[in-house]
Amino acid sequence: METVYDIITDEQVALAWGNADFGNVEKRDVIKYALLKWACGYESGKTASCILHDLGLLTSNNRVSVCGKRYLYAAFKHSSQEQSY
């Protein structure tokens, strides 16, 4: 089963992150919730959106990319669920 770490490495996150500061929120939580907003038709903040673009999770016209969809699925998939929907 593919994980978010298989799709985007910690090194890629650190490189895209730069000096961004979201307080005590984990970097991957910022990524998954900002990506979820875009997938649901909402926008996220400028800094989070730039990070998503740098990671290739959003396309140039702010659509969730194929990689972004894989990341989103992996981020919210519960490992305890054995069923496939």
C-alpha atoms as a PDB file:
ATOM      1  CA  MET A   1       0.000   0.000   0.000  1.00  0.00           C
ATOM      2  CA  GLU A   2       1.424   3.365  -1.042  1.00  0.00           C
ATOM      3  CA  THR A   3       2.079   5.947   1.676  1.00  0.00           C
ATOM      4  CA  VAL A   4       2.530   9.713   1.550  1.00  0.00           C
ATOM      5  CA  TYR A   5       6.250   9.107   2.179  1.00  0.00           C
ATOM      6  CA  ASP A   6       6.447   7.003  -0.995  1.00  0.00           C
ATOM      7  CA  ILE A   7       4.847   9.786  -3.035  1.00  0.00           C
ATOM      8  CA  ILE A   8       6.645  12.819  -1.560  1.00  0.00           C
ATOM      9  CA  THR A   9       9.839  12.356   0.448  1.00  0.00           C
ATOM     10  CA  ASP A  10      10.738  14.310   3.564  1.00  0.00           C
ATOM     11  CA  GLU A  11      13.567  15.926   1.596  1.00  0.00           C
ATOM     12  CA  GLN A  12      11.132  17.170  -1.044  1.00  0.00           C
ATOM     13  CA  VAL A  13       8.846  18.557   1.668  1.00  0.00           C
ATOM     14  CA  ALA A  14      11.773  20.346   3.346  1.00  0.00           C
ATOM     15  CA  LEU A  15      12.930  21.826   0.031  1.00  0.00           C
ATOM     16  CA  ALA A  16       9.436  23.084  -0.905  1.00  0.00           C
ATOM     17  CA  TRP A  17       8.758  24.288   2.634  1.00  0.00           C
ATOM     18  CA  GLY A  18      11.607  26.789   2.795  1.00  0.00           C
ATOM     19  CA  ASN A  19      11.067  29.192   5.709  1.00  0.00           C
ATOM     20  CA  ALA A  20       7.289  28.803   5.896  1.00  0.00           C
ATOM     21  CA  ASP A  21       5.889  28.833   9.418  1.00  0.00           C
ATOM     22  CA  PHE A  22       2.518  27.330  10.324  1.00  0.00           C
ATOM     23  CA  GLY A  23       3.133  27.221  14.058  1.00  0.00           C
ATOM     24  CA  ASN A  24       2.847  23.830  15.732  1.00  0.00           C
ATOM     25  CA  VAL A  25       1.006  22.189  12.831  1.00  0.00           C
ATOM     26  CA  GLU A  26       2.868  19.278  11.240  1.00  0.00           C
ATOM     27  CA  LYS A  27       4.067  19.955   7.700  1.00  0.00           C
ATOM     28  CA  ARG A  28       2.272  16.967   6.230  1.00  0.00           C
ATOM     29  CA  ASP A  29      -0.973  17.998   7.952  1.00  0.00           C
ATOM     30  CA  VAL A  30      -0.755  21.411   6.296  1.00  0.00           C
ATOM     31  CA  ILE A  31      -0.173  19.683   2.965  1.00  0.00           C
ATOM     32  CA  LYS A  32      -3.031  17.194   3.240  1.00  0.00           C
ATOM     33  CA  TYR A  33      -5.634  19.704   4.465  1.00  0.00           C
ATOM     34  CA  ALA A  34      -4.652  22.377   1.936  1.00  0.00           C
ATOM     35  CA  LEU A  35      -4.839  19.748  -0.808  1.00  0.00           C
ATOM     36  CA  LEU A  36      -8.230  18.593   0.466  1.00  0.00           C
ATOM     37  CA  LYS A  37      -9.517  22.174   0.239  1.00  0.00           C
ATOM     38  CA  TRP A  38      -8.455  22.392  -3.406  1.00  0.00           C
ATOM     39  CA  ALA A  39      -9.990  18.982  -4.175  1.00  0.00           C
ATOM     40  CA  CYS A  40     -13.311  20.155  -2.681  1.00  0.00           C
ATOM     41  CA  GLY A  41     -13.372  23.358  -4.716  1.00  0.00           C
ATOM     42  CA  TYR A  42     -12.086  25.746  -2.068  1.00  0.00           C
ATOM     43  CA  GLU A  43      -8.825  27.671  -2.009  1.00  0.00           C
ATOM     44  CA  SER A  44      -6.118  27.528   0.603  1.00  0.00           C
ATOM     45  CA  GLY A  45      -3.679  30.247   1.614  1.00  0.00           C
ATOM     46  CA  LYS A  46      -0.994  31.538  -0.730  1.00  0.00           C
ATOM     47  CA  THR A  47       1.941  29.962   1.104  1.00  0.00           C
ATOM     48  CA  ALA A  48       0.311  26.528   1.353  1.00  0.00           C
ATOM     49  CA  SER A  49      -0.695  26.720  -2.317  1.00  0.00           C
ATOM     50  CA  CYS A  50       2.857  27.572  -3.354  1.00  0.00           C
ATOM     51  CA  ILE A  51       4.109  24.543  -1.421  1.00  0.00           C
ATOM     52  CA  LEU A  52       1.562  22.321  -3.177  1.00  0.00           C
ATOM     53  CA  HIS A  53       2.659  23.685  -6.565  1.00  0.00           C
ATOM     54  CA  ASP A  54       6.338  23.157  -5.730  1.00  0.00           C
ATOM     55  CA  LEU A  55       5.615  19.551  -4.747  1.00  0.00           C
ATOM     56  CA  GLY A  56       3.677  18.928  -7.968  1.00  0.00           C
ATOM     57  CA  LEU A  57       0.427  18.268  -6.120  1.00  0.00           C
ATOM     58  CA  LEU A  58      -1.400  21.107  -7.905  1.00  0.00           C
ATOM     59  CA  THR A  59      -1.285  21.899 -11.620  1.00  0.00           C
ATOM     60  CA  SER A  60      -0.573  25.359 -13.000  1.00  0.00           C
ATOM     61  CA  ASN A  61      -4.322  26.071 -13.167  1.00  0.00           C
ATOM     62  CA  ASN A  62      -4.840  24.987  -9.518  1.00  0.00           C
ATOM     63  CA  ARG A  63      -6.298  21.572 -10.198  1.00  0.00           C
ATOM     64  CA  VAL A  64      -5.270  18.609  -8.076  1.00  0.00           C
ATOM     65  CA  SER A  65      -2.695  16.689 -10.117  1.00  0.00           C
ATOM     66  CA  VAL A  66      -2.570  12.913 -10.508  1.00  0.00           C
ATOM     67  CA  CYS A  67       0.226  12.886  -7.941  1.00  0.00           C
ATOM     68  CA  GLY A  68      -1.933  15.074  -5.701  1.00  0.00           C
ATOM     69  CA  LYS A  69      -4.824  12.635  -5.926  1.00  0.00           C
ATOM     70  CA  ARG A  70      -2.541   9.756  -4.996  1.00  0.00           C
ATOM     71  CA  TYR A  71      -1.187  11.784  -2.074  1.00  0.00           C
ATOM     72  CA  LEU A  72      -4.657  12.740  -0.889  1.00  0.00           C
ATOM     73  CA  TYR A  73      -5.857   9.144  -1.005  1.00  0.00           C
ATOM     74  CA  ALA A  74      -2.796   7.900   0.875  1.00  0.00           C
ATOM     75  CA  ALA A  75      -3.074  10.685   3.469  1.00  0.00           C
ATOM     76  CA  PHE A  76      -6.655   9.864   4.388  1.00  0.00           C
ATOM     77  CA  LYS A  77      -6.681   6.098   3.891  1.00  0.00           C
ATOM     78  CA  HIS A  78      -7.004   4.272   7.186  1.00  0.00           C
ATOM     79  CA  SER A  79      -4.618   1.344   7.358  1.00  0.00           C
ATOM     80  CA  SER A  80      -7.075  -0.562   9.556  1.00  0.00           C
ATOM     81  CA  GLN A  81      -9.597  -0.684   6.725  1.00  0.00           C
ATOM     82  CA  GLU A  82      -9.206  -3.842   4.699  1.00  0.00           C
ATOM     83  CA  GLN A  83     -12.208  -3.177   2.490  1.00  0.00           C
ATOM     84  CA  SER A  84     -11.956  -1.478  -0.839  1.00  0.00           C
ATOM     85  CA  TYR A  85     -14.739   0.922  -1.733  1.00  0.00           C
END
